[in-house]
Protein backbone atom coordinates (compact mmCIF):
# COMPACT_ATOMS: atom_id res chain seq x y z
CA MET A 1 178.51 193.01 244.21
CA THR A 2 180.02 194.88 247.17
CA PHE A 3 183.35 193.87 248.67
CA SER A 4 181.74 192.51 251.84
CA ARG A 5 179.33 190.37 249.83
CA ARG A 6 182.18 189.01 247.70
CA VAL A 7 184.09 188.01 250.84
CA TYR A 8 180.91 186.49 252.27
CA ALA A 9 180.36 184.43 249.12
CA LEU A 10 183.97 183.31 249.05
CA LEU A 11 183.90 182.18 252.68
CA LEU A 12 180.61 180.42 252.12
CA SER A 13 182.14 178.53 249.19
CA PHE A 14 185.04 177.36 251.37
CA ALA A 15 182.63 176.36 254.09
CA LEU A 16 180.68 174.16 251.67
CA LEU A 17 183.75 172.47 250.13
CA PRO A 18 183.95 169.63 252.72
CA ALA A 19 180.42 168.58 251.80
CA PHE A 20 181.63 167.76 248.28
CA PHE A 21 185.26 166.87 249.00
CA PRO A 22 185.51 165.18 252.45
CA LEU A 23 188.58 166.11 254.44
CA LYS A 24 191.25 163.41 254.63
CA ALA A 25 193.09 164.58 257.75
CA ALA A 26 191.46 161.95 259.99
CA ALA A 27 191.12 159.30 257.31
CA GLN A 28 192.55 155.81 257.54
CA ALA A 29 195.62 155.83 259.77
CA GLU A 30 198.73 154.34 258.27
CA GLU A 31 199.93 151.04 259.66
CA PRO A 32 203.21 151.22 261.57
CA GLU A 33 206.51 150.43 259.90
CA ILE A 34 207.91 147.39 261.69
CA VAL A 35 211.58 146.44 261.50
CA SER A 36 211.17 142.99 263.06
CA GLU A 37 210.82 140.21 260.54
CA ALA A 38 207.52 138.99 262.04
CA ALA A 39 204.98 140.73 264.25
CA VAL A 40 201.35 140.65 265.31
CA LEU A 41 199.01 142.86 267.34
CA MET A 42 196.05 140.97 268.85
CA ASP A 43 193.06 141.94 270.95
CA ALA A 44 193.37 139.77 274.06
CA GLN A 45 189.58 139.65 274.51
CA THR A 46 188.54 138.33 271.10
CA GLY A 47 191.71 137.19 269.36
CA GLN A 48 191.08 139.80 266.68
CA ILE A 49 194.19 140.63 264.65
CA LEU A 50 194.75 144.38 264.23
CA TYR A 51 198.14 144.15 262.54
CA GLU A 52 200.29 141.35 261.17
CA LYS A 53 203.59 140.93 259.42
CA ASN A 54 204.59 137.36 258.51
CA MET A 55 202.60 136.25 261.55
CA ASP A 56 202.46 132.60 260.43
CA ALA A 57 206.12 132.31 259.43
CA ARG A 58 208.11 129.83 261.51
CA MET A 59 210.57 131.58 263.78
CA TYR A 60 212.87 130.60 266.61
CA PRO A 61 211.32 132.00 269.80
CA ALA A 62 214.31 132.04 272.17
CA SER A 63 213.20 132.86 275.72
CA ILE A 64 209.63 133.91 274.96
CA THR A 65 209.18 130.11 275.07
CA LYS A 66 209.09 130.65 278.84
CA ILE A 67 205.62 132.18 278.56
CA LEU A 68 204.26 128.74 277.72
CA THR A 69 206.44 127.17 280.43
CA GLY A 70 205.13 129.62 283.01
CA TYR A 71 201.55 129.11 281.91
CA LEU A 72 201.83 125.32 282.29
CA ALA A 73 203.56 125.71 285.66
CA LEU A 74 200.62 127.77 286.95
CA LYS A 75 198.07 125.43 285.38
CA TYR A 76 199.50 122.15 286.65
CA GLY A 77 201.52 123.22 289.68
CA ASN A 78 201.21 125.16 292.91
CA PRO A 79 203.54 128.04 293.82
CA ALA A 80 204.38 126.30 297.10
CA ASP A 81 205.51 123.07 295.35
CA GLU A 82 209.15 122.15 295.90
CA LEU A 83 211.38 121.50 292.88
CA THR A 84 214.72 119.72 292.97
CA MET A 85 217.33 120.21 290.26
CA SER A 86 218.48 116.88 288.86
CA GLU A 87 221.99 116.02 287.71
CA GLU A 88 220.67 115.49 284.17
CA GLY A 89 218.84 118.81 284.19
CA PHE A 90 221.93 120.57 285.48
CA ARG A 91 223.99 119.25 282.54
CA GLN A 92 221.40 120.52 280.01
CA VAL A 93 221.98 124.19 280.80
CA PRO A 94 225.21 125.79 279.53
CA ARG A 95 226.78 128.14 282.07
CA THR A 96 227.24 130.64 279.22
CA SER A 97 223.44 131.04 279.04
CA SER A 98 221.09 132.85 281.44
CA HIS A 99 220.82 130.99 284.76
CA ILE A 100 220.71 131.36 288.56
CA ALA A 101 223.45 128.75 289.15
CA LEU A 102 221.15 126.01 290.42
CA LEU A 103 223.17 123.01 291.58
CA PRO A 104 222.29 119.29 291.41
CA GLU A 105 219.99 118.42 294.32
CA GLU A 106 219.28 122.10 295.03
CA THR A 107 215.68 122.68 296.06
CA ILE A 108 213.57 125.77 295.37
CA THR A 109 209.84 126.41 295.30
CA LEU A 110 207.85 126.74 292.11
CA LYS A 111 207.22 130.35 293.10
CA ASP A 112 210.97 131.02 293.26
CA ALA A 113 211.54 129.24 289.94
CA LEU A 114 208.84 131.35 288.26
CA TYR A 115 210.44 134.60 289.42
CA ALA A 116 213.81 133.36 288.16
CA LEU A 117 212.17 132.33 284.88
CA THR A 118 210.65 135.75 284.27
CA LEU A 119 213.09 138.21 285.83
CA VAL A 120 216.45 136.87 284.66
CA SER A 121 215.20 134.33 282.08
CA ALA A 122 216.90 131.51 284.00
CA ASN A 123 217.23 128.45 281.77
CA ASP A 124 218.00 126.20 284.74
CA ALA A 125 214.81 127.33 286.50
CA ALA A 126 212.86 126.39 283.37
CA VAL A 127 214.37 122.90 283.44
CA ALA A 128 213.54 122.54 287.15
CA ILE A 129 209.93 123.50 286.38
CA ALA A 130 209.72 121.02 283.52
CA GLU A 131 211.05 118.17 285.67
CA GLY A 132 208.80 119.14 288.55
CA ILE A 133 205.64 119.23 286.41
CA SER A 134 206.23 116.30 284.05
CA GLY A 135 209.17 114.35 285.41
CA SER A 136 211.48 115.10 282.49
CA VAL A 137 212.19 117.74 279.89
CA GLU A 138 211.05 115.39 277.12
CA ASP A 139 207.68 114.73 278.74
CA PHE A 140 207.21 118.42 279.47
CA ALA A 141 207.93 119.25 275.83
CA ALA A 142 205.21 116.78 274.83
CA LEU A 143 202.84 118.58 277.21
CA MET A 144 203.83 121.92 275.68
CA ASN A 145 202.98 120.69 272.19
CA ARG A 146 199.63 119.20 273.24
CA GLU A 147 198.57 122.36 275.03
CA ALA A 148 199.72 124.60 272.19
CA ALA A 149 197.75 122.55 269.65
CA GLN A 150 194.62 122.78 271.81
CA LEU A 151 194.97 126.57 271.81
CA GLY A 152 195.17 126.64 268.02
CA ALA A 153 198.91 127.28 267.97
CA CYS A 154 199.42 124.75 265.21
CA GLY A 155 202.50 126.33 263.64
CA SER A 156 204.66 125.58 266.67
CA HIS A 157 206.84 122.75 267.92
CA PHE A 158 208.69 122.85 271.23
CA VAL A 159 211.50 120.57 272.40
CA ASN A 160 212.56 122.34 275.60
CA PRO A 161 211.06 124.65 278.26
CA ASN A 162 213.50 127.54 277.88
CA GLY A 163 213.99 128.28 274.16
CA MET A 164 217.58 127.07 273.91
CA PRO A 165 218.50 126.83 270.20
CA ASP A 166 217.23 123.75 268.39
CA GLU A 167 216.17 123.53 264.74
CA ASN A 168 213.03 121.65 265.81
CA HIS A 169 212.05 124.28 268.36
CA TYR A 170 210.01 126.95 266.58
CA THR A 171 206.80 128.94 266.73
CA THR A 172 205.02 131.85 265.00
CA ALA A 173 204.08 135.36 266.05
CA ARG A 174 200.38 134.45 265.90
CA ASP A 175 200.92 131.31 267.98
CA MET A 176 202.77 133.24 270.67
CA ALA A 177 199.91 135.74 270.85
CA LEU A 178 197.38 132.89 271.19
CA ILE A 179 199.44 131.24 273.93
CA THR A 180 199.83 134.53 275.77
CA ALA A 181 196.10 135.30 275.54
CA GLU A 182 195.35 132.00 277.28
CA ALA A 183 198.11 132.52 279.86
CA LEU A 184 196.57 135.88 280.82
CA LYS A 185 193.57 133.99 282.19
CA MET A 186 195.70 132.26 284.81
CA PRO A 187 195.72 133.70 288.34
CA ASP A 188 199.11 135.16 289.26
CA PHE A 189 200.39 135.25 285.67
CA TYR A 190 200.88 139.03 285.82
CA THR A 191 202.44 138.70 289.27
CA PHE A 192 205.41 136.85 287.81
CA PHE A 193 205.64 138.13 284.24
CA GLY A 194 205.13 141.75 285.26
CA ALA A 195 207.56 141.72 288.20
CA SER A 196 210.61 143.99 288.29
CA LYS A 197 212.61 142.42 291.13
CA TYR A 198 212.58 139.62 293.70
CA GLU A 199 214.84 138.26 296.42
CA LEU A 200 215.34 134.53 295.92
CA PRO A 201 215.52 133.06 299.44
CA LYS A 202 218.40 130.99 300.73
CA THR A 203 218.20 127.35 299.63
CA ASN A 204 219.72 124.12 300.89
CA LEU A 205 222.81 124.79 298.76
CA SER A 206 222.95 128.53 298.00
CA GLU A 207 222.69 131.89 299.72
CA ALA A 208 219.90 134.36 298.94
CA ARG A 209 220.05 135.99 295.50
CA ASP A 210 218.65 139.28 294.18
CA LEU A 211 216.84 139.00 290.85
CA VAL A 212 216.33 142.19 288.82
CA SER A 213 214.64 142.47 285.42
CA LYS A 214 216.62 143.95 282.52
CA ASN A 215 213.51 144.22 280.34
CA LYS A 216 213.48 147.86 279.19
CA PHE A 217 209.71 148.17 279.54
CA ILE A 218 209.64 146.67 283.02
CA ASP A 219 212.62 148.62 284.38
CA GLY A 220 211.16 151.84 282.93
CA SER A 221 214.07 152.73 280.66
CA MET A 222 211.63 152.66 277.71
CA ASP A 223 208.05 153.88 277.90
CA CYS A 224 205.05 151.55 277.59
CA PRO A 225 201.84 153.07 279.03
CA GLY A 226 199.46 150.52 280.52
CA LEU A 227 202.11 147.79 280.70
CA LEU A 228 200.90 144.52 282.25
CA MET A 229 203.67 142.07 281.34
CA SER A 230 206.61 141.65 279.01
CA LYS A 231 209.03 138.84 278.18
CA THR A 232 212.13 139.17 276.04
CA GLY A 233 214.30 136.66 274.25
CA TRP A 234 217.50 136.54 272.24
CA THR A 235 219.76 133.98 270.62
CA SER A 236 222.07 134.31 267.65
CA SER A 237 219.61 132.33 265.51
CA ALA A 238 216.37 133.87 266.83
CA LEU A 239 217.73 137.42 267.18
CA GLY A 240 215.47 139.61 269.31
CA THR A 241 212.02 138.41 270.38
CA LEU A 242 209.49 140.14 272.62
CA VAL A 243 205.94 139.53 273.84
CA THR A 244 204.24 142.41 275.66
CA VAL A 245 200.74 143.01 277.01
CA ALA A 246 199.32 146.46 277.75
CA LYS A 247 195.91 147.73 278.80
CA ARG A 248 194.51 151.18 278.13
CA GLY A 249 190.92 151.94 278.97
CA SER A 250 188.91 148.74 278.58
CA THR A 251 191.13 147.28 275.86
CA THR A 252 194.01 144.83 276.39
CA LEU A 253 196.36 144.23 273.47
CA ILE A 254 199.10 141.65 272.92
CA ALA A 255 202.09 142.66 270.80
CA VAL A 256 204.62 140.13 269.50
CA ALA A 257 207.84 141.04 267.71
CA MET A 258 210.19 138.34 266.38
CA LYS A 259 213.60 138.32 264.74
CA SER A 260 214.40 141.94 265.56
CA PRO A 261 217.87 142.76 264.20
CA GLU A 262 219.03 145.34 266.75
CA LEU A 263 218.73 145.38 270.54
CA GLU A 264 216.05 148.08 270.78
CA ASP A 265 214.13 147.24 267.60
CA LYS A 266 211.75 144.87 269.39
CA TYR A 267 210.90 147.61 271.89
CA THR A 268 210.38 150.41 269.35
CA ASP A 269 208.33 148.07 267.16
CA THR A 270 206.16 147.20 270.14
CA GLN A 271 205.67 150.87 271.00
CA ALA A 272 204.60 151.55 267.41
CA LEU A 273 202.17 148.62 267.46
CA PHE A 274 200.53 149.78 270.69
CA ASP A 275 200.29 153.40 269.50
CA TYR A 276 198.57 152.13 266.36
CA GLY A 277 196.20 149.74 268.12
CA PHE A 278 195.13 151.98 270.98
CA GLY A 279 195.11 155.17 268.93
CA CYS A 280 193.34 154.06 265.76
CA PHE A 281 190.66 151.63 266.96
CA GLN A 282 187.57 151.77 269.14
CA ARG A 283 185.43 148.98 270.56
CA SER A 284 182.06 148.26 268.91
CA ARG A 285 179.47 145.58 269.53
CA LEU A 286 178.15 143.02 267.03
CA SER A 287 174.50 142.56 267.95
CA ARG A 288 172.68 139.26 267.55
CA ASN A 289 170.43 140.65 264.83
CA LEU A 290 173.38 141.92 262.82
CA MET A 291 175.14 138.55 263.07
CA GLU A 292 171.98 136.67 262.06
CA ASP A 293 171.54 138.92 259.05
CA LYS A 294 175.13 138.36 257.97
CA MET A 295 174.84 134.60 258.51
CA ARG A 296 171.75 134.49 256.32
CA GLN A 297 173.68 136.36 253.63
CA GLN A 298 176.31 133.62 253.92
CA GLY A 299 173.78 130.82 253.45
CA MET A 300 172.01 130.23 256.78
CA GLY A 301 168.31 129.42 256.24
CA GLU A 302 165.71 132.18 256.45
CA ASN A 303 164.29 130.58 259.60
CA GLY A 304 167.66 130.11 261.26
CA ILE A 305 168.63 132.04 264.37
CA LEU A 306 171.70 132.19 266.58
CA GLU A 307 170.51 130.62 269.81
CA GLY A 308 172.06 131.92 273.01
CA TYR A 309 174.33 134.27 271.09
CA THR A 310 176.35 136.64 273.28
CA PRO A 311 177.11 139.95 271.54
CA VAL A 312 180.76 140.18 270.56
CA ASP A 313 182.77 143.34 271.13
CA VAL A 314 185.25 144.00 268.34
CA LEU A 315 187.72 146.75 267.55
CA LEU A 316 186.93 148.87 264.50
CA PRO A 317 188.89 151.79 263.03
CA ARG A 318 187.83 154.96 264.82
CA ASN A 319 186.60 156.64 261.65
CA ALA A 320 184.76 153.58 260.28
CA ASP A 321 180.97 153.65 260.08
CA PRO A 322 179.79 150.50 261.91
CA ARG A 323 176.66 150.41 259.74
CA GLU A 324 178.83 149.78 256.69
CA ILE A 325 180.98 146.95 257.99
CA VAL A 326 180.95 143.73 256.01
CA LEU A 327 181.06 140.35 257.75
CA THR A 328 182.10 137.34 255.72
CA VAL A 329 182.56 133.69 256.52
CA PRO A 330 185.56 132.49 254.48
CA GLY A 331 184.48 129.51 252.41
CA GLY A 332 180.78 130.23 252.90
CA PHE A 333 178.30 128.87 255.40
CA ASP A 334 176.69 125.42 255.39
CA ALA A 335 172.92 126.00 255.35
CA GLY A 336 172.22 122.36 256.27
CA LEU A 337 173.90 122.53 259.66
CA GLY A 338 170.68 123.43 261.56
CA LEU A 339 170.32 122.80 265.29
CA SER A 340 174.07 122.53 265.79
CA THR A 341 176.93 124.42 267.32
CA VAL A 342 179.66 125.21 264.82
CA PRO A 343 182.88 127.24 264.86
CA VAL A 344 182.63 130.06 262.35
CA SER A 345 185.67 132.05 261.26
CA VAL A 346 184.57 135.64 260.67
CA ASP A 347 186.37 138.44 258.84
CA ILE A 348 185.28 142.07 259.23
CA SER A 349 185.95 144.53 256.43
CA ALA A 350 185.92 148.11 257.65
CA ASP A 351 187.56 151.23 256.29
CA GLY A 352 189.60 149.22 253.82
CA ARG A 353 190.93 146.76 256.40
CA VAL A 354 190.14 143.09 256.87
CA LEU A 355 190.21 142.29 260.59
CA HIS A 356 190.19 138.60 261.45
CA LEU A 357 188.21 137.40 264.44
CA ALA A 358 188.87 134.24 266.37
CA ASP A 359 186.42 131.45 265.60
CA LEU A 360 182.99 132.10 267.09
CA LEU A 361 180.91 129.20 268.39
CA LEU A 362 177.46 129.75 266.91
CA THR A 363 174.43 127.60 267.77
CA ILE A 364 172.06 127.43 264.81
CA ALA A 365 168.40 126.73 265.57
CA GLU A 366 165.05 126.94 263.75
CA ALA A 367 162.78 129.88 264.52
CA ALA A 368 159.73 131.73 263.24
CA PRO A 369 159.85 133.09 259.68
CA LEU A 370 162.14 136.05 259.22
CA ALA A 371 159.21 138.44 258.89
CA GLU A 372 158.26 137.71 262.51
CA ALA A 373 161.78 138.03 263.84
CA GLU A 374 163.34 141.15 265.29
CA PRO A 375 164.43 143.80 262.77
CA VAL A 376 168.07 143.71 261.80
CA GLN A 377 170.20 146.25 263.65
CA ALA A 378 173.57 147.68 262.84
CA ALA A 379 176.48 147.25 265.18
CA SER A 380 176.14 149.51 268.19
CA VAL A 381 179.06 151.68 269.21
CA PRO A 382 179.67 152.40 272.91
CA PRO A 383 181.20 155.74 273.82
CA GLN A 384 184.80 156.02 272.66
CA GLU A 385 187.48 155.32 275.20
CA GLU A 386 189.26 158.49 274.08
CA SER A 387 187.60 161.53 272.53
CA SER A 388 189.12 163.17 269.49
CA VAL A 389 188.18 166.20 267.36
CA HIS A 390 188.24 165.90 263.58
CA PRO A 391 190.45 168.70 262.17
CA GLY A 392 187.69 169.48 259.66
CA SER A 393 185.33 170.31 262.51
CA LEU A 394 187.66 173.04 263.75
CA ILE A 395 187.99 174.51 260.24
CA LEU A 396 184.21 174.52 259.73
CA LEU A 397 183.62 176.16 263.11
CA GLY A 398 186.10 178.93 262.27
CA LEU A 399 184.59 179.51 258.84
CA ALA A 400 181.08 179.53 260.25
CA ALA A 401 182.07 182.14 262.83
CA ALA A 402 183.68 184.34 260.15
CA VAL A 403 180.61 184.07 257.91
CA ALA A 404 178.32 184.99 260.78
CA LEU A 405 180.41 188.05 261.68
CA LEU A 406 180.53 189.29 258.08
CA ALA A 407 176.81 188.77 257.67
CA PHE A 408 176.17 190.75 260.86
CA ALA A 409 178.48 193.57 259.65
CA ALA A 410 176.75 193.68 256.25
CA ARG A 411 173.29 193.92 257.83
CA LYS A 412 174.49 196.64 260.17
CA LYS A 413 175.91 198.63 257.26
CA VAL A 414 172.68 198.34 255.27
CA HIS A 415 170.58 199.58 258.20
CA SER A 416 172.98 202.35 259.24
């Protein structure tokens, strides 16, 4: 065998290696290393969990409590409403904590209180909101707990609107993500929780005040591409807490970090979570036929269909084959439910990960036999939000070019 043919054979062997031993360069991305004691990364659209660390462990929230307070203020109040600080409310806020020095009988608007709540984490503004919405802090706390329970945040219990330390005031990383996801639906939520500064107008008892956010994402001292809102918290018992929402492309993610030991840990953890979520996942669609097929595998009758089902967009690992995903209903599926609407908790297994979806409301109805129904389809994948080139593709292209050149040179030599 001539030298050129030996080289040609050797290159051809290298070119064929990936067919037998797939390259691992773009395989499953490693999950981020999170310093915070609890964390979660959630898709705001579906409630799908992309990453979790102790997400159901009870933690003290500190001032991220104010996300729920702000949500309830927007839901039950009007920005133009006037709030008056009571003597009792004034006494509830230590002057060593964050505040805007509201005085008894001082009047501000709900709009002003919300900016104070978000920009400088004013505990007195939170109390004024609570009294304005419910009449007292105690009644507002009861409202907080009812609303949280309705959102599925069942691992939480709130006793005040600002997150001041109390052993009975706690939540979980998952619950804070659920509460935030609902709050995002409120008009003007981003206006307040994404603001960087605001001039609080003169009141009946105080001169105008400048409010400036010290949140490192909002003031730009730390990078967070696509930032929509962010709320920090800290007490000696809670340590650092942070809830942040960012949008890149068509995907909006909620990151929660709790009990972060050092000042910047909650920010660097959040950056790592977003890099992981936006970089390693792409949105795919679960068609009706796919869901029906999976439901039948779980026990739904052969003649059962999902009536009025709206395709669900989920996030799958970028290198996962959507045709190979596995949908399971934890605990199985009750085949006798027919003609009913039921919440179904669905887990997706893809590329070695189990990705939990929020409960789906599925209406089960009788239909024609399965043979007459539409054929089952795999999940469809829209174009990726970001294009990427597999490193193996570049290697194969280079090898193919070298092989072609050597082959051309060998033929030329033979015919010369």
